[in-house]
Protein backbone atom coordinates (compact mmCIF):
# COMPACT_ATOMS: atom_id res chain seq x y z
CA UNK A 1 0.02 -0.06 0.05
CA UNK A 2 1.37 3.51 -1.06
CA UNK A 3 1.58 6.60 1.03
CA UNK A 4 -1.55 8.32 -1.14
CA UNK A 5 -1.42 11.86 0.31
CA UNK A 6 0.63 13.96 -1.36
CA UNK A 7 4.73 13.92 -1.73
CA UNK A 8 7.68 15.18 -0.12
CA UNK A 9 9.58 18.49 -1.20
CA UNK A 10 12.04 16.28 -2.76
CA UNK A 11 9.96 14.16 -4.67
CA UNK A 12 7.77 16.99 -5.99
CA UNK A 13 11.07 19.03 -7.09
CA UNK A 14 12.28 15.47 -9.25
CA UNK A 15 8.64 15.32 -11.00
CA UNK A 16 9.13 19.05 -11.62
CA UNK A 17 11.98 18.30 -13.31
CA UNK A 18 11.13 15.24 -15.22
CA UNK A 19 7.81 17.30 -16.22
CA UNK A 20 9.85 20.00 -17.83
CA UNK A 21 12.28 17.67 -19.52
CA UNK A 22 15.23 18.82 -17.27
CA UNK A 23 15.94 15.35 -16.32
CA UNK A 24 15.63 11.81 -17.22
CA UNK A 25 12.09 10.28 -16.68
CA UNK A 26 11.87 6.35 -15.10
CA UNK A 27 9.94 5.14 -17.52
CA UNK A 28 8.02 5.88 -20.90
CA UNK A 29 5.14 4.09 -22.20
CA UNK A 30 4.78 4.84 -25.86
CA UNK A 31 2.78 4.86 -28.54
CA UNK A 32 -0.48 3.30 -26.18
CA UNK A 33 -4.22 4.84 -26.70
CA UNK A 34 -4.79 6.31 -23.55
CA UNK A 35 -8.37 6.55 -21.70
CA UNK A 36 -8.49 9.76 -20.21
CA UNK A 37 -11.15 9.64 -17.83
CA UNK A 38 -10.86 13.23 -17.23
CA UNK A 39 -11.50 14.75 -20.76
CA UNK A 40 -13.51 11.35 -21.81
CA UNK A 41 -11.37 10.68 -24.49
CA UNK A 42 -9.04 8.18 -26.11
CA UNK A 43 -6.09 9.47 -27.64
CA UNK A 44 -2.85 7.96 -29.11
CA UNK A 45 -0.26 9.45 -26.62
CA UNK A 46 2.82 8.49 -24.90
CA UNK A 47 2.99 8.60 -21.01
CA UNK A 48 6.03 9.60 -19.08
CA UNK A 49 6.78 8.39 -15.03
CA UNK A 50 8.89 9.36 -12.62
CA UNK A 51 9.31 8.31 -8.98
CA UNK A 52 6.20 6.81 -9.64
CA UNK A 53 4.01 9.46 -10.47
CA UNK A 54 2.79 10.21 -14.27
CA UNK A 55 4.47 13.38 -15.42
CA UNK A 56 3.45 13.83 -18.87
CA UNK A 57 3.54 12.71 -22.52
CA UNK A 58 6.39 14.90 -23.72
CA UNK A 59 9.35 13.41 -22.47
CA UNK A 60 12.73 14.06 -24.43
CA UNK A 61 14.50 11.10 -22.39
CA UNK A 62 13.63 7.82 -20.18
CA UNK A 63 15.61 5.03 -18.60
CA UNK A 64 13.42 2.65 -20.19
CA UNK A 65 11.26 2.89 -22.83
CA UNK A 66 8.15 0.17 -23.80
CA UNK A 67 6.68 0.08 -26.81
CA UNK A 68 2.78 -0.40 -26.56
CA UNK A 69 1.38 0.24 -29.81
CA UNK A 70 -2.04 -1.31 -30.21
CA UNK A 71 -2.65 -1.38 -26.68
CA UNK A 72 -5.31 0.78 -24.27
CA UNK A 73 -3.72 2.27 -21.29
CA UNK A 74 -6.33 2.79 -18.33
CA UNK A 75 -6.12 4.07 -14.64
CA UNK A 76 -5.85 1.03 -12.21
CA UNK A 77 -9.48 0.04 -11.29
CA UNK A 78 -10.95 0.65 -7.61
CA UNK A 79 -13.38 -1.62 -5.73
CA UNK A 80 -15.64 0.95 -3.90
CA UNK A 81 -16.86 -1.52 -1.35
CA UNK A 82 -15.54 -5.27 -0.26
CA UNK A 83 -15.55 -7.12 2.41
CA UNK A 84 -12.10 -8.71 2.30
CA UNK A 85 -12.92 -11.64 4.46
CA UNK A 86 -15.45 -13.08 1.97
CA UNK A 87 -12.36 -14.20 0.10
CA UNK A 88 -10.78 -15.76 3.52
CA UNK A 89 -7.13 -14.66 2.56
CA UNK A 90 -4.98 -12.24 3.95
CA UNK A 91 -4.46 -8.88 2.14
CA UNK A 92 -0.75 -10.21 0.49
CA UNK A 93 -2.95 -13.36 -0.93
CA UNK A 94 -5.90 -11.23 -2.01
CA UNK A 95 -3.23 -8.52 -3.98
CA UNK A 96 -1.80 -11.76 -5.40
CA UNK A 97 -5.43 -12.77 -7.27
CA UNK A 98 -6.71 -9.02 -8.02
CA UNK A 99 -4.21 -7.10 -9.04
CA UNK A 100 -3.56 -9.59 -12.11
CA UNK A 101 -6.85 -8.58 -12.60
CA UNK A 102 -6.16 -4.69 -12.96
CA UNK A 103 -7.59 -3.66 -9.30
CA UNK A 104 -5.08 -1.23 -7.59
CA UNK A 105 -7.12 0.10 -4.89
CA UNK A 106 -10.01 -1.54 -2.61
CA UNK A 107 -12.06 0.11 0.02
CA UNK A 108 -12.66 -2.54 2.79
CA UNK A 109 -15.32 -3.00 5.28
CA UNK A 110 -13.61 -5.28 7.53
CA UNK A 111 -16.66 -5.57 10.12
CA UNK A 112 -16.26 -9.37 10.08
CA UNK A 113 -12.91 -8.85 11.51
CA UNK A 114 -14.12 -6.09 13.98
CA UNK A 115 -16.71 -8.67 15.45
CA UNK A 116 -13.81 -11.18 16.27
CA UNK A 117 -11.11 -8.90 17.18
CA UNK A 118 -12.43 -5.21 17.04
CA UNK A 119 -9.97 -2.02 16.45
CA UNK A 120 -6.99 -4.57 16.65
CA UNK A 121 -8.48 -6.47 13.98
CA UNK A 122 -9.21 -3.30 11.59
CA UNK A 123 -5.39 -2.31 11.95
CA UNK A 124 -4.24 -5.38 11.65
CA UNK A 125 -5.49 -5.95 8.18
CA UNK A 126 -4.35 -2.47 7.21
CA UNK A 127 -0.94 -3.17 8.62
CA UNK A 128 -0.67 -5.97 6.55
CA UNK A 129 -1.20 -4.16 3.46
CA UNK A 130 1.81 -1.70 3.87
CA UNK A 131 4.36 -3.30 1.75
CA UNK A 132 1.50 -4.74 -1.01
CA UNK A 133 0.86 -3.54 -4.08
CA UNK A 134 -2.68 -2.57 -3.75
CA UNK A 135 -3.82 0.12 -1.80
CA UNK A 136 -6.12 -1.27 0.92
CA UNK A 137 -8.17 1.34 2.44
CA UNK A 138 -10.97 0.83 5.10
CA UNK A 139 -14.00 2.19 6.38
CA UNK A 140 -14.63 2.12 10.22
CA UNK A 141 -17.27 -0.77 10.63
CA UNK A 142 -20.52 1.23 11.88
CA UNK A 143 -22.46 -1.90 13.18
CA UNK A 144 -20.26 -4.00 15.66
CA UNK A 145 -21.99 -5.97 16.85
CA UNK A 146 -25.06 -6.21 14.69
CA UNK A 147 -27.46 -6.61 17.50
CA UNK A 148 -27.76 -7.32 20.96
CA UNK A 149 -29.26 -10.37 20.58
CA UNK A 150 -25.78 -12.01 19.92
CA UNK A 151 -22.35 -12.49 21.12
CA UNK A 152 -19.52 -10.72 19.52
CA UNK A 153 -15.65 -10.62 20.31
CA UNK A 154 -15.86 -7.13 20.61
CA UNK A 155 -17.94 -3.79 20.29
CA UNK A 156 -17.03 -0.56 18.37
CA UNK A 157 -18.69 2.12 20.30
CA UNK A 158 -18.18 5.86 19.58
CA UNK A 159 -14.72 6.11 21.22
CA UNK A 160 -13.47 3.07 18.71
CA UNK A 161 -14.61 4.74 15.95
CA UNK A 162 -13.31 8.02 16.76
CA UNK A 163 -9.73 6.23 16.99
CA UNK A 164 -10.34 4.66 13.40
CA UNK A 165 -11.83 7.88 11.94
CA UNK A 166 -8.56 9.55 12.85
CA UNK A 167 -6.22 7.41 10.79
CA UNK A 168 -5.76 8.86 7.57
CA UNK A 169 -6.13 5.13 5.90
CA UNK A 170 -9.70 5.05 7.13
CA UNK A 171 -11.68 6.95 4.75
CA UNK A 172 -15.09 7.46 6.53
CA UNK A 173 -17.79 5.50 8.40
CA UNK A 174 -18.70 2.05 6.88
CA UNK A 175 -22.04 1.03 5.73
CA UNK A 176 -24.68 1.98 8.33
CA UNK A 177 -26.89 -1.36 8.13
CA UNK A 178 -28.67 0.00 11.38
CA UNK A 179 -31.29 2.12 8.92
CA UNK A 180 -34.12 1.50 11.68
CA UNK A 181 -31.68 3.02 14.56
CA UNK A 182 -31.20 6.39 11.94
CA UNK A 183 -34.81 6.43 11.51
CA UNK A 184 -35.99 6.31 15.24
CA UNK A 185 -32.89 8.73 16.01
CA UNK A 186 -30.60 6.59 17.89
CA UNK A 187 -28.41 8.73 19.87
CA UNK A 188 -25.14 6.47 19.12
CA UNK A 189 -26.10 5.75 15.77
CA UNK A 190 -26.27 9.44 14.81
CA UNK A 191 -23.04 10.37 17.10
CA UNK A 192 -21.12 7.94 14.79
CA UNK A 193 -22.26 9.54 11.51
CA UNK A 194 -21.51 13.00 13.19
CA UNK A 195 -18.15 11.99 13.92
CA UNK A 196 -17.33 11.11 10.29
CA UNK A 197 -19.18 14.51 9.04
CA UNK A 198 -17.11 16.42 11.58
CA UNK A 199 -14.14 15.14 9.51
CA UNK A 200 -15.12 15.29 6.18
CA UNK A 201 -15.19 11.96 5.75
CA UNK A 202 -18.42 9.96 3.91
CA UNK A 203 -20.80 7.67 5.53
CA UNK A 204 -21.91 4.59 3.45
CA UNK A 205 -25.32 3.41 3.41
CA UNK A 206 -27.04 -0.09 3.34
CA UNK A 207 -30.56 0.52 3.25
CA UNK A 208 -31.90 -2.15 0.86
CA UNK A 209 -35.55 -1.48 -0.07
CA UNK A 210 -36.05 1.64 1.80
CA UNK A 211 -37.92 4.51 -0.25
CA UNK A 212 -40.18 7.61 0.21
CA UNK A 213 -39.84 9.84 3.40
CA UNK A 214 -37.85 6.81 5.30
CA UNK A 215 -35.33 7.38 2.57
CA UNK A 216 -35.26 10.68 2.44
CA UNK A 217 -34.74 10.89 6.67
CA UNK A 218 -32.01 8.20 6.04
CA UNK A 219 -30.48 10.31 3.62
CA UNK A 220 -30.82 13.47 5.58
CA UNK A 221 -28.78 12.05 8.45
CA UNK A 222 -25.54 12.40 6.30
CA UNK A 223 -25.52 8.94 4.64
CA UNK A 224 -23.95 9.13 1.25
CA UNK A 225 -24.15 6.14 -0.97
CA UNK A 226 -25.73 2.74 -0.96
CA UNK A 227 -24.78 -0.82 -2.60
CA UNK A 228 -27.96 -2.42 -1.75
CA UNK A 229 -30.17 -1.33 -4.76
CA UNK A 230 -31.52 -4.48 -6.84
CA UNK A 231 -33.91 -2.83 -9.47
CA UNK A 232 -33.38 0.09 -11.46
CA UNK A 233 -36.28 2.02 -9.98
CA UNK A 234 -35.03 1.47 -6.63
CA UNK A 235 -31.60 2.97 -7.65
CA UNK A 236 -33.06 5.79 -9.80
CA UNK A 237 -34.75 7.01 -6.43
CA UNK A 238 -31.85 6.92 -4.24
CA UNK A 239 -30.22 8.50 -6.93
CA UNK A 240 -32.24 11.15 -7.26
CA UNK A 241 -32.30 11.75 -3.50
CA UNK A 242 -28.54 12.46 -3.89
CA UNK A 243 -26.85 9.14 -2.84
CA UNK A 244 -23.95 7.76 -4.95
CA UNK A 245 -24.64 4.34 -6.46
CA UNK A 246 -22.59 1.22 -5.99
CA UNK A 247 -23.81 -1.29 -8.58
CA UNK A 248 -22.83 -4.65 -7.02
CA UNK A 249 -21.68 -7.63 -8.71
CA UNK A 250 -20.75 -10.16 -5.96
CA UNK A 251 -21.04 -13.90 -5.60
CA UNK A 252 -24.40 -13.90 -3.96
CA UNK A 253 -25.76 -10.66 -5.27
CA UNK A 254 -25.81 -9.74 -8.64
CA UNK A 255 -27.13 -6.55 -9.58
CA UNK A 256 -24.85 -5.28 -12.71
CA UNK A 257 -27.15 -6.43 -15.16
CA UNK A 258 -30.54 -5.10 -13.88
CA UNK A 259 -28.79 -1.57 -13.03
CA UNK A 260 -26.34 -1.00 -15.72
CA UNK A 261 -29.11 0.96 -17.79
CA UNK A 262 -29.27 3.56 -14.85
CA UNK A 263 -25.60 5.15 -16.14
CA UNK A 264 -26.49 8.20 -18.75
CA UNK A 265 -23.81 10.95 -19.08
CA UNK A 266 -25.49 13.65 -16.63
CA UNK A 267 -25.46 10.98 -13.79
CA UNK A 268 -22.17 8.85 -14.11
CA UNK A 269 -20.02 10.46 -12.19
CA UNK A 270 -21.98 9.57 -9.07
CA UNK A 271 -22.04 5.82 -9.99
CA UNK A 272 -19.18 3.19 -8.79
CA UNK A 273 -18.55 -0.35 -9.44
CA UNK A 274 -18.15 -2.85 -6.08
CA UNK A 275 -17.93 -6.69 -5.57
CA UNK A 276 -18.91 -6.49 -1.85
CA UNK A 277 -18.63 -10.08 -1.18
CA UNK A 278 -16.88 -11.93 -4.09
CA UNK A 279 -15.41 -15.56 -3.10
CA UNK A 280 -12.25 -17.04 -4.09
CA UNK A 281 -13.53 -19.42 -6.75
CA UNK A 282 -15.38 -16.37 -8.47
CA UNK A 283 -12.32 -14.40 -8.47
CA UNK A 284 -10.33 -17.50 -10.06
CA UNK A 285 -12.94 -17.74 -12.61
CA UNK A 286 -14.62 -14.83 -13.56
CA UNK A 287 -12.06 -12.16 -12.20
CA UNK A 288 -13.21 -8.82 -10.40
CA UNK A 289 -13.63 -5.16 -11.43
CA UNK A 290 -12.29 -5.91 -14.76
CA UNK A 291 -15.02 -8.35 -15.31
CA UNK A 292 -17.68 -5.76 -14.20
CA UNK A 293 -15.95 -3.42 -17.00
CA UNK A 294 -16.05 -5.58 -19.46
CA UNK A 295 -19.63 -6.46 -18.92
CA UNK A 296 -20.83 -3.00 -18.66
CA UNK A 297 -19.22 -2.12 -22.27
CA UNK A 298 -20.65 -5.50 -23.88
CA UNK A 299 -24.30 -4.11 -22.31
CA UNK A 300 -23.81 -0.75 -24.14
CA UNK A 301 -21.79 1.70 -21.98
CA UNK A 302 -19.31 3.23 -23.69
CA UNK A 303 -15.60 2.35 -23.05
CA UNK A 304 -14.60 5.91 -20.89
CA UNK A 305 -17.67 5.79 -19.07
CA UNK A 306 -17.08 2.34 -17.89
CA UNK A 307 -13.38 2.99 -17.07
CA UNK A 308 -14.30 6.21 -15.30
CA UNK A 309 -16.97 4.17 -13.15
CA UNK A 310 -14.11 1.99 -12.11
CA UNK A 311 -11.42 4.05 -11.40
CA UNK A 312 -12.08 7.97 -10.93
CA UNK A 313 -15.61 8.16 -9.63
CA UNK A 314 -14.65 5.70 -6.42
CA UNK A 315 -11.56 7.98 -5.59
CA UNK A 316 -13.50 11.34 -5.74
CA UNK A 317 -16.22 10.02 -3.77
CA UNK A 318 -13.89 8.91 -1.01
CA UNK A 319 -11.35 11.80 -1.16
CA UNK A 320 -8.21 9.49 -2.27
CA UNK A 321 -5.65 11.84 -3.81
CA UNK A 322 -4.02 11.43 -6.87
CA UNK A 323 -5.46 8.12 -8.01
CA UNK A 324 -8.36 7.46 -10.56
CA UNK A 325 -6.57 8.94 -13.82
CA UNK A 326 -3.91 9.23 -16.23
CA UNK A 327 -2.91 12.99 -16.11
CA UNK A 328 0.30 14.63 -14.40
CA UNK A 329 0.49 14.25 -10.70
CA UNK A 330 -1.42 11.25 -10.38
CA UNK A 331 0.23 8.24 -9.24
CA UNK A 332 1.22 5.67 -11.86
CA UNK A 333 -1.05 2.99 -10.88
CA UNK A 334 -2.18 1.83 -14.55
CA UNK A 335 -3.04 -0.90 -16.72
CA UNK A 336 -2.10 -2.22 -20.15
CA UNK A 337 -5.09 -3.50 -21.95
CA UNK A 338 -5.03 -5.17 -25.18
CA UNK A 339 -7.61 -4.11 -27.47
CA UNK A 340 -11.08 -2.34 -26.93
CA UNK A 341 -12.93 -5.57 -27.88
CA UNK A 342 -11.39 -7.85 -25.61
CA UNK A 343 -10.32 -5.69 -23.04
CA UNK A 344 -8.17 -8.17 -21.25
CA UNK A 345 -5.67 -6.86 -18.90
CA UNK A 346 -1.97 -7.77 -20.37
CA UNK A 347 0.00 -5.79 -17.68
CA UNK A 348 -0.61 -3.91 -14.36
CA UNK A 349 1.97 -1.06 -13.15
CA UNK A 350 1.77 -0.10 -9.42
CA UNK A 351 3.44 3.34 -8.64
CA UNK A 352 5.09 2.96 -11.98
CA UNK A 353 6.54 -0.41 -11.24
CA UNK A 354 5.36 -3.50 -13.26
CA UNK A 355 3.45 -6.19 -10.65
CA UNK A 356 1.59 -8.29 -13.14
CA UNK A 357 2.19 -9.92 -16.45
CA UNK A 358 -0.51 -11.74 -18.67
CA UNK A 359 -2.94 -12.74 -15.33
CA UNK A 360 0.36 -13.45 -12.89
CA UNK A 361 1.33 -12.10 -9.85
CA UNK A 362 5.20 -10.67 -9.97
CA UNK A 363 5.26 -9.58 -6.55
CA UNK A 364 6.23 -11.25 -3.18
CA UNK A 365 6.03 -10.47 0.23
CA UNK A 366 9.30 -9.31 1.94
CA UNK A 367 10.14 -12.28 4.51
CA UNK A 368 9.93 -9.37 7.64
CA UNK A 369 6.42 -9.03 6.60
CA UNK A 370 4.95 -12.41 6.35
CA UNK A 371 1.10 -12.54 7.27
CA UNK A 372 0.43 -12.74 10.71
CA UNK A 373 -2.42 -13.26 12.87
CA UNK A 374 -3.16 -10.32 15.38
CA UNK A 375 -3.22 -12.77 18.22
CA UNK A 376 -2.59 -16.72 18.67
CA UNK A 377 -5.85 -17.49 18.85
CA UNK A 378 -9.21 -16.34 18.79
CA UNK A 379 -11.16 -19.61 19.72
CA UNK A 380 -11.98 -19.22 23.20
CA UNK A 381 -14.70 -21.86 23.95
CA UNK A 382 -15.97 -23.93 27.13
CA UNK A 383 -15.43 -27.51 27.47
CA UNK A 384 -18.41 -29.15 25.80
CA UNK A 385 -19.99 -32.51 25.54
CA UNK A 386 -22.53 -34.17 23.52
CA UNK A 387 -24.91 -33.33 26.01
CA UNK A 388 -24.29 -29.69 25.37
CA UNK A 389 -26.38 -30.24 21.78
CA UNK A 390 -29.12 -31.93 23.72
CA UNK A 391 -32.46 -30.47 23.11
CA UNK A 392 -35.15 -30.96 25.53
CA UNK A 393 -38.51 -32.10 24.42
CA UNK A 394 -40.85 -29.05 25.71
CA UNK A 395 -43.34 -29.42 23.29
CA UNK A 396 -44.79 -31.14 20.17
CA UNK A 397 -44.22 -28.18 17.33
CA UNK A 398 -41.15 -26.06 17.39
CA UNK A 399 -40.15 -23.32 15.29
CA UNK A 400 -37.68 -24.45 12.54
CA UNK A 401 -35.29 -22.35 10.33
CA UNK A 402 -36.41 -23.26 6.85
CA UNK A 403 -33.84 -22.86 4.14
CA UNK A 404 -34.35 -21.17 1.02
CA UNK A 405 -31.85 -22.74 -1.86
CA UNK A 406 -29.67 -19.98 -2.97
CA UNK A 407 -30.75 -17.13 -0.70
CA UNK A 408 -29.66 -16.04 2.76
CA UNK A 409 -32.71 -15.57 3.99
CA UNK A 410 -35.14 -18.47 5.51
CA UNK A 411 -38.54 -19.01 6.52
CA UNK A 412 -39.99 -19.45 9.85
CA UNK A 413 -41.52 -22.79 9.66
CA UNK A 414 -43.86 -24.36 12.97
CA UNK A 415 -43.13 -28.39 12.46
CA UNK A 416 -43.95 -31.46 14.49
CA UNK A 417 -40.66 -32.53 16.38
CA UNK A 418 -39.49 -36.37 17.10
CA UNK A 419 -38.26 -37.02 20.47
CA UNK A 420 -36.50 -39.95 22.40
CA UNK A 421 -36.18 -40.13 26.23
CA UNK A 422 -37.35 -36.50 26.74
CA UNK A 423 -34.67 -35.26 24.09
CA UNK A 424 -35.61 -34.13 20.64
CA UNK A 425 -33.64 -36.05 17.68
CA UNK A 426 -33.11 -35.38 14.25
CA UNK A 427 -35.77 -36.57 11.88
CA UNK A 428 -33.89 -37.21 8.66
CA UNK A 429 -37.16 -38.49 6.89
CA UNK A 430 -38.34 -34.74 7.30
CA UNK A 431 -34.83 -33.25 6.63
CA UNK A 432 -34.62 -31.88 9.98
CA UNK A 433 -31.26 -31.50 11.65
CA UNK A 434 -30.43 -30.28 14.88
CA UNK A 435 -28.42 -26.49 15.00
CA UNK A 436 -26.29 -24.90 17.21
CA UNK A 437 -24.32 -21.85 17.68
CA UNK A 438 -21.50 -22.00 20.27
CA UNK A 439 -20.08 -18.88 21.46
CA UNK A 440 -16.22 -18.80 20.97
CA UNK A 441 -14.97 -15.05 22.02
CA UNK A 442 -15.76 -15.29 26.08
CA UNK A 443 -15.48 -18.90 27.06
CA UNK A 444 -19.16 -18.44 28.60
CA UNK A 445 -19.96 -21.88 27.58
CA UNK A 446 -23.41 -20.33 25.82
CA UNK A 447 -25.04 -23.03 23.07
CA UNK A 448 -28.06 -21.77 21.01
CA UNK A 449 -29.81 -24.69 20.14
CA UNK A 450 -32.43 -24.86 17.17
CA UNK A 451 -33.55 -26.91 14.39
CA UNK A 452 -33.21 -26.64 10.73
CA UNK A 453 -34.55 -27.91 7.57
CA UNK A 454 -33.39 -28.26 4.06
CA UNK A 455 -29.80 -29.50 4.52
CA UNK A 456 -30.76 -32.80 2.82
CA UNK A 457 -27.88 -34.77 4.68
CA UNK A 458 -28.21 -38.00 6.16
CA UNK A 459 -25.88 -38.17 8.42
CA UNK A 460 -22.66 -36.65 10.11
CA UNK A 461 -22.43 -32.87 10.99
CA UNK A 462 -21.19 -29.57 9.25
CA UNK A 463 -19.52 -26.85 11.55
CA UNK A 464 -17.91 -23.19 10.81
CA UNK A 465 -16.59 -20.34 12.55
CA UNK A 466 -17.49 -18.01 9.68
CA UNK A 467 -20.98 -17.50 11.06
CA UNK A 468 -21.93 -14.10 10.41
CA UNK A 469 -21.71 -11.21 11.69
CA UNK A 470 -20.35 -12.11 15.24
CA UNK A 471 -18.99 -15.67 14.05
CA UNK A 472 -19.11 -17.86 16.81
CA UNK A 473 -19.20 -21.17 15.85
CA UNK A 474 -22.49 -22.94 14.07
CA UNK A 475 -22.96 -26.68 13.61
CA UNK A 476 -25.65 -28.59 12.08
CA UNK A 477 -25.84 -32.06 12.58
CA UNK A 478 -27.71 -35.42 12.80
CA UNK A 479 -26.30 -36.25 15.96
CA UNK A 480 -24.79 -34.91 19.28
CA UNK A 481 -21.62 -36.82 18.99
CA UNK A 482 -20.99 -35.76 15.17
CA UNK A 483 -21.56 -32.05 16.19
CA UNK A 484 -19.33 -32.35 19.24
CA UNK A 485 -16.71 -33.77 17.05
CA UNK A 486 -17.38 -30.82 14.16
CA UNK A 487 -17.13 -27.93 16.87
CA UNK A 488 -14.08 -29.68 18.19
CA UNK A 489 -12.34 -29.63 15.10
CA UNK A 490 -13.20 -26.05 14.30
CA UNK A 491 -11.33 -25.33 17.57
CA UNK A 492 -8.38 -27.26 17.01
CA UNK A 493 -7.81 -25.85 13.70
CA UNK A 494 -8.06 -22.27 15.01
CA UNK A 495 -11.17 -21.53 13.34
CA UNK A 496 -12.47 -23.24 9.59
CA UNK A 497 -14.86 -25.48 7.87
CA UNK A 498 -15.47 -28.99 8.48
CA UNK A 499 -17.43 -31.94 7.35
CA UNK A 500 -17.86 -34.76 10.04
CA UNK A 501 -19.20 -38.46 9.73
CA UNK A 502 -18.86 -41.07 12.22
CA UNK A 503 -16.57 -39.16 14.51
CA UNK A 504 -14.04 -38.63 11.53
CA UNK A 505 -13.27 -35.55 9.94
CA UNK A 506 -14.17 -35.83 6.12
CA UNK A 507 -12.80 -32.87 5.12
CA UNK A 508 -11.71 -29.56 6.42
CA UNK A 509 -10.45 -26.03 5.66
CA UNK A 510 -8.38 -24.28 8.09
CA UNK A 511 -8.81 -20.45 8.96
CA UNK A 512 -6.42 -19.70 11.56
CA UNK A 513 -6.88 -16.07 11.25
CA UNK A 514 -9.48 -14.76 13.46
CA UNK A 515 -11.26 -18.09 12.83
CA UNK A 516 -11.94 -16.10 9.15
CA UNK A 517 -8.52 -15.89 6.91
CA UNK A 518 -6.36 -18.69 5.77
CA UNK A 519 -2.52 -17.33 5.08
CA UNK A 520 -2.63 -19.49 2.13
CA UNK A 521 -2.98 -18.54 -1.61
CA UNK A 522 -6.61 -17.63 -2.89
CA UNK A 523 -6.44 -21.10 -4.93
CA UNK A 524 -5.54 -22.96 -2.11
CA UNK A 525 -8.23 -21.93 -0.13
CA UNK A 526 -10.76 -22.15 -3.19
CA UNK A 527 -9.59 -25.69 -3.62
CA UNK A 528 -10.09 -26.18 0.16
CA UNK A 529 -13.87 -25.14 -0.14
CA UNK A 530 -14.49 -27.48 -3.11
CA UNK A 531 -13.35 -30.33 -1.04
CA UNK A 532 -15.55 -29.39 2.17
CA UNK A 533 -18.40 -28.70 -0.23
CA UNK A 534 -18.01 -31.84 -1.89
CA UNK A 535 -18.15 -33.62 1.46
CA UNK A 536 -21.09 -32.00 2.58
CA UNK A 537 -22.54 -33.31 -0.56
CA UNK A 538 -21.48 -36.71 0.03
CA UNK A 539 -23.21 -36.62 3.32
CA UNK A 540 -26.43 -35.89 1.04
CA UNK A 541 -27.12 -32.23 0.88
CA UNK A 542 -28.07 -31.07 -2.61
CA UNK A 543 -27.17 -27.11 -1.98
CA UNK A 544 -24.62 -25.87 -4.18
CA UNK A 545 -22.53 -24.49 -1.15
CA UNK A 546 -23.99 -25.77 2.04
CA UNK A 547 -21.23 -23.55 3.90
CA UNK A 548 -22.46 -20.79 2.65
CA UNK A 549 -26.05 -21.27 3.78
CA UNK A 550 -24.61 -22.42 6.98
CA UNK A 551 -22.81 -18.79 7.62
CA UNK A 552 -25.65 -16.99 7.05
CA UNK A 553 -28.05 -18.97 9.86
CA UNK A 554 -26.59 -16.96 12.96
CA UNK A 555 -26.91 -13.59 11.18
CA UNK A 556 -29.90 -12.11 13.27
CA UNK A 557 -30.54 -9.34 10.61
CA UNK A 558 -31.99 -11.10 7.84
CA UNK A 559 -35.29 -12.69 7.94
CA UNK A 560 -37.47 -14.62 8.76
CA UNK A 561 -35.93 -17.04 11.62
CA UNK A 562 -32.14 -17.14 12.75
CA UNK A 563 -30.05 -18.81 15.62
CA UNK A 564 -27.80 -16.88 17.51
CA UNK A 565 -25.78 -18.26 20.90
CA UNK A 566 -28.37 -16.49 22.82
CA UNK A 567 -31.27 -18.64 21.15
CA UNK A 568 -33.75 -18.51 18.20
CA UNK A 569 -34.02 -14.65 16.76
CA UNK A 570 -37.68 -13.67 14.99
CA UNK A 571 -36.03 -11.37 12.58
CA UNK A 572 -39.14 -9.93 11.46
CA UNK A 573 -40.27 -8.95 14.81
CA UNK A 574 -36.54 -8.45 15.88
CA UNK A 575 -36.78 -10.30 19.29
CA UNK A 576 -36.16 -13.68 20.84
CA UNK A 577 -38.46 -16.18 20.76
CA UNK A 578 -38.79 -19.66 22.33
CA UNK A 579 -37.86 -23.03 20.10
CA UNK A 580 -41.22 -24.47 20.97
CA UNK A 581 -44.74 -23.03 20.77
CA UNK A 582 -45.82 -24.85 24.15
CA UNK A 583 -43.05 -23.09 25.91
CA UNK A 584 -45.25 -19.41 26.37
CA UNK A 585 -42.03 -17.57 26.91
CA UNK A 586 -42.73 -15.66 23.61
């Protein structure tokens, strides 16, 4: 990550000399068609680079000359909103995957790490990015924890948010998911928004489906962008109301095709691209922001506008100095594209240094900067036994989480349960499994118990320390013994994903950094995910990715019924509910 806030007097003097032709430039890129997102034109031009910055097109002498006749030059792409944790790798390994795709800057909202490690997790992410040829910026996570109906590893209140916002690498306040809190004028929520505004930093939004007066009220609080639009009408209302729109194309939420028609010459400057949550296999096979640029152009958007949306617009929105364009004084973070039709990224320069060629990274991490977890372990789990997963049969009809294939939403079902010796047992004929969420941050011993329908497994258990948003350990299984085995395997790995049958681990993926990330290459993580998914499917699951489904069953802000370490949550009513209808606890 480079320092992005100006240059020293010495560097400025050298740039002036090189721009005036008084000293030799470091590099001359010769004969390419330069995409100028400032003028809106593409024209044949040379590009002179010195000490990592563009110094003009008129160069009398350069130490190195590269002939790019027939190629295009574009500014490096910027992902305006990502959760790097979705890629399950460290910033270095992430950079090795996305930089060859042309991404030279990302704005991360690390609320997953923050839920586990707090301020230290955010700072660790930024520190691990320091010597990586990818500008990794962060937004201060605004909703940690997401609710008070679960146990997270940390809380970010006003004092913690203030500390983060004072860091120049933290560009603003992350997505304000708690839009009900904004509308209720919650003092703690408004204080966080006010702290960002006082520093002149943007506040990102998250308000799916919000419209009319409520949308106006939400924006009036000072919230400036949204990446949750799923329809053209929603995006048009939010854009017309003053928001910047981030068009998202992730692994689960794919909105580009529905929203690209929003762009016109009058509003293009207020639109950006983002990946939000893109998983390892999708990055490897589909690419990153480059794939969005190509698809936007294929949908009829002109080349310059598509590149502007992917580069200059996010730099301006976030106030990132000297990136996003190819002009004197801008950093030489740039792409060599093969031709206007294919737009394949041939070369990537970061600060004037060649860092990727033909889809392959050409950089390594210095040995002194090896990826390290912020602490030895984030697994603090009290002693467990098979009885920890026993459900006392307190009634004949229970609330059951119903999986909706391909969605992170669930249904709230009421179904009869089967019991033996006073304990509820999984009913495999009805595809009804036991579900548990084990608290892993404070060793409290809390285990939330419930039932889930839709996994399809006929034996064994699946467990994961990736369990949005508080990332306790979530486990679904046919019997208590295998559920215990699966949880213990996750704890022993320091976090990860595991499939178990008959007390034996069939497949696992270790995620030892905060229980969320691996220090292995993205390709290794993708292969590991493939293996645990195959193991889950060998147990009978017909879901495309059972672990992704499992990871969202503990998220109590997505309807309808979810389970946390503190018990079942009716998300629609936003309150805890009992497992059995006969309990009379509701």
